[in-house]
C-alpha atoms as a PDB file:
ATOM      1  CA  MET A   1      -8.420  29.673 -45.875  1.00  0.00           C
ATOM      2  CA  ASN A   2      -5.859  31.341 -44.644  1.00  0.00           C
ATOM      3  CA  SER A   3      -3.197  31.663 -42.045  1.00  0.00           C
ATOM      4  CA  ARG A   4      -4.402  32.860 -39.372  1.00  0.00           C
ATOM      5  CA  ASN A   5      -7.539  30.229 -39.982  1.00  0.00           C
ATOM      6  CA  LEU A   6      -4.778  27.570 -39.770  1.00  0.00           C
ATOM      7  CA  ILE A   7      -2.523  29.218 -36.584  1.00  0.00           C
ATOM      8  CA  LEU A   8      -5.942  28.757 -34.473  1.00  0.00           C
ATOM      9  CA  ILE A   9      -6.108  25.669 -35.369  1.00  0.00           C
ATOM     10  CA  VAL A  10      -2.760  24.480 -34.919  1.00  0.00           C
ATOM     11  CA  VAL A  11      -2.703  26.825 -31.328  1.00  0.00           C
ATOM     12  CA  VAL A  12      -6.326  25.048 -29.956  1.00  0.00           C
ATOM     13  CA  ALA A  13      -5.007  21.378 -31.694  1.00  0.00           C
ATOM     14  CA  PHE A  14      -2.610  22.123 -29.176  1.00  0.00           C
ATOM     15  CA  ILE A  15      -4.053  23.125 -26.026  1.00  0.00           C
ATOM     16  CA  ILE A  16      -6.240  19.340 -26.636  1.00  0.00           C
ATOM     17  CA  ILE A  17      -3.480  18.139 -27.204  1.00  0.00           C
ATOM     18  CA  LEU A  18      -1.577  18.754 -23.851  1.00  0.00           C
ATOM     19  CA  GLY A  19      -4.818  18.575 -22.422  1.00  0.00           C
ATOM     20  CA  GLY A  20      -5.062  15.150 -22.504  1.00  0.00           C
ATOM     21  CA  CYS A  21      -1.786  15.047 -22.157  1.00  0.00           C
ATOM     22  CA  SER A  22      -1.707  16.393 -18.901  1.00  0.00           C
ATOM     23  CA  CYS A  23      -4.731  14.325 -18.228  1.00  0.00           C
ATOM     24  CA  PHE A  24      -3.968  11.311 -18.766  1.00  0.00           C
ATOM     25  CA  GLY A  25      -0.613  12.057 -16.199  1.00  0.00           C
ATOM     26  CA  TYR A  26      -2.808  13.484 -14.016  1.00  0.00           C
ATOM     27  CA  ASN A  27      -4.995   9.414 -13.459  1.00  0.00           C
ATOM     28  CA  GLY A  28      -2.693   8.103 -13.785  1.00  0.00           C
ATOM     29  CA  MET A  29      -0.566   9.917 -10.743  1.00  0.00           C
ATOM     30  CA  VAL A  30      -3.766   8.978  -8.661  1.00  0.00           C
ATOM     31  CA  LYS A  31      -2.976   5.571  -9.081  1.00  0.00           C
ATOM     32  CA  LEU A  32      -0.128   4.645  -7.730  1.00  0.00           C
ATOM     33  CA  ASP A  33      -1.507   7.217  -4.969  1.00  0.00           C
ATOM     34  CA  GLU A  34      -4.674   4.696  -4.628  1.00  0.00           C
ATOM     35  CA  ASN A  35      -1.548   2.001  -5.179  1.00  0.00           C
ATOM     36  CA  VAL A  36       0.605   2.668  -1.660  1.00  0.00           C
ATOM     37  CA  LYS A  37      -2.008   3.312   0.182  1.00  0.00           C
ATOM     38  CA  ALA A  38      -3.351   0.163  -0.733  1.00  0.00           C
ATOM     39  CA  LYS A  39      -0.232  -1.123   0.190  1.00  0.00           C
ATOM     40  CA  TRP A  40       0.310   0.435   3.138  1.00  0.00           C
ATOM     41  CA  ALA A  41      -2.837  -0.765   4.385  1.00  0.00           C
ATOM     42  CA  ASN A  42      -1.597  -3.833   4.241  1.00  0.00           C
ATOM     43  CA  VAL A  43       2.037  -3.166   5.913  1.00  0.00           C
ATOM     44  CA  GLN A  44      -0.249  -1.646   8.860  1.00  0.00           C
ATOM     45  CA  SER A  45      -2.810  -4.835   8.476  1.00  0.00           C
ATOM     46  CA  ASP A  46       0.066  -7.304   9.578  1.00  0.00           C
ATOM     47  CA  TYR A  47       1.998  -5.412  12.012  1.00  0.00           C
ATOM     48  CA  GLN A  48      -1.970  -5.352  13.986  1.00  0.00           C
ATOM     49  CA  ARG A  49      -1.763  -9.364  13.478  1.00  0.00           C
ATOM     50  CA  ARG A  50       1.487  -9.835  14.492  1.00  0.00           C
ATOM     51  CA  SER A  51       0.777  -7.681  17.597  1.00  0.00           C
ATOM     52  CA  ASP A  52      -2.991  -8.597  18.409  1.00  0.00           C
ATOM     53  CA  LEU A  53      -0.870 -12.434  17.728  1.00  0.00           C
ATOM     54  CA  ILE A  54       2.023 -11.851  20.511  1.00  0.00           C
ATOM     55  CA  PRO A  55       0.005 -12.846  23.362  1.00  0.00           C
ATOM     56  CA  ASN A  56      -1.000 -16.324  22.593  1.00  0.00           C
ATOM     57  CA  LEU A  57       3.198 -16.339  22.233  1.00  0.00           C
ATOM     58  CA  VAL A  58       3.626 -16.192  25.743  1.00  0.00           C
ATOM     59  CA  ASN A  59       1.258 -18.020  26.969  1.00  0.00           C
ATOM     60  CA  THR A  60       1.975 -20.100  24.801  1.00  0.00           C
ATOM     61  CA  VAL A  61       5.461 -20.266  26.017  1.00  0.00           C
ATOM     62  CA  LYS A  62       4.428 -20.397  29.380  1.00  0.00           C
ATOM     63  CA  GLY A  63       2.847 -23.498  29.209  1.00  0.00           C
ATOM     64  CA  ALA A  64       6.051 -24.790  28.388  1.00  0.00           C
ATOM     65  CA  ALA A  65       8.433 -23.845  30.820  1.00  0.00           C
ATOM     66  CA  ASN A  66       5.540 -25.598  33.222  1.00  0.00           C
ATOM     67  CA  PHE A  67       5.162 -28.145  31.300  1.00  0.00           C
ATOM     68  CA  GLU A  68       9.672 -28.244  31.538  1.00  0.00           C
ATOM     69  CA  GLN A  69       9.630 -27.119  35.045  1.00  0.00           C
ATOM     70  CA  GLU A  70       7.359 -30.563  35.880  1.00  0.00           C
ATOM     71  CA  THR A  71       9.219 -32.606  33.834  1.00  0.00           C
ATOM     72  CA  LEU A  72      12.216 -32.063  35.130  1.00  0.00           C
ATOM     73  CA  THR A  73      11.053 -31.896  39.291  1.00  0.00           C
ATOM     74  CA  LYS A  74       9.807 -35.364  38.675  1.00  0.00           C
ATOM     75  CA  VAL A  75      12.683 -36.862  36.412  1.00  0.00           C
ATOM     76  CA  VAL A  76      14.621 -35.377  39.706  1.00  0.00           C
END
């Protein structure tokens, strides 16, 4: 082999290795991005669940307040 073919093979191998590394890097970034989106969806889901539970909490407190008021009225 002459030196020109050897240089061409080295350059092509370098380009292939560089392309492979960039593909793995891109796939890793996409994986991390999807992970972040999934975690944020879980946070939003928890916020929505808590928001949905607030009316139940308010009704429970109102019921307890009425019970305490009736008990106090009967005692006095």
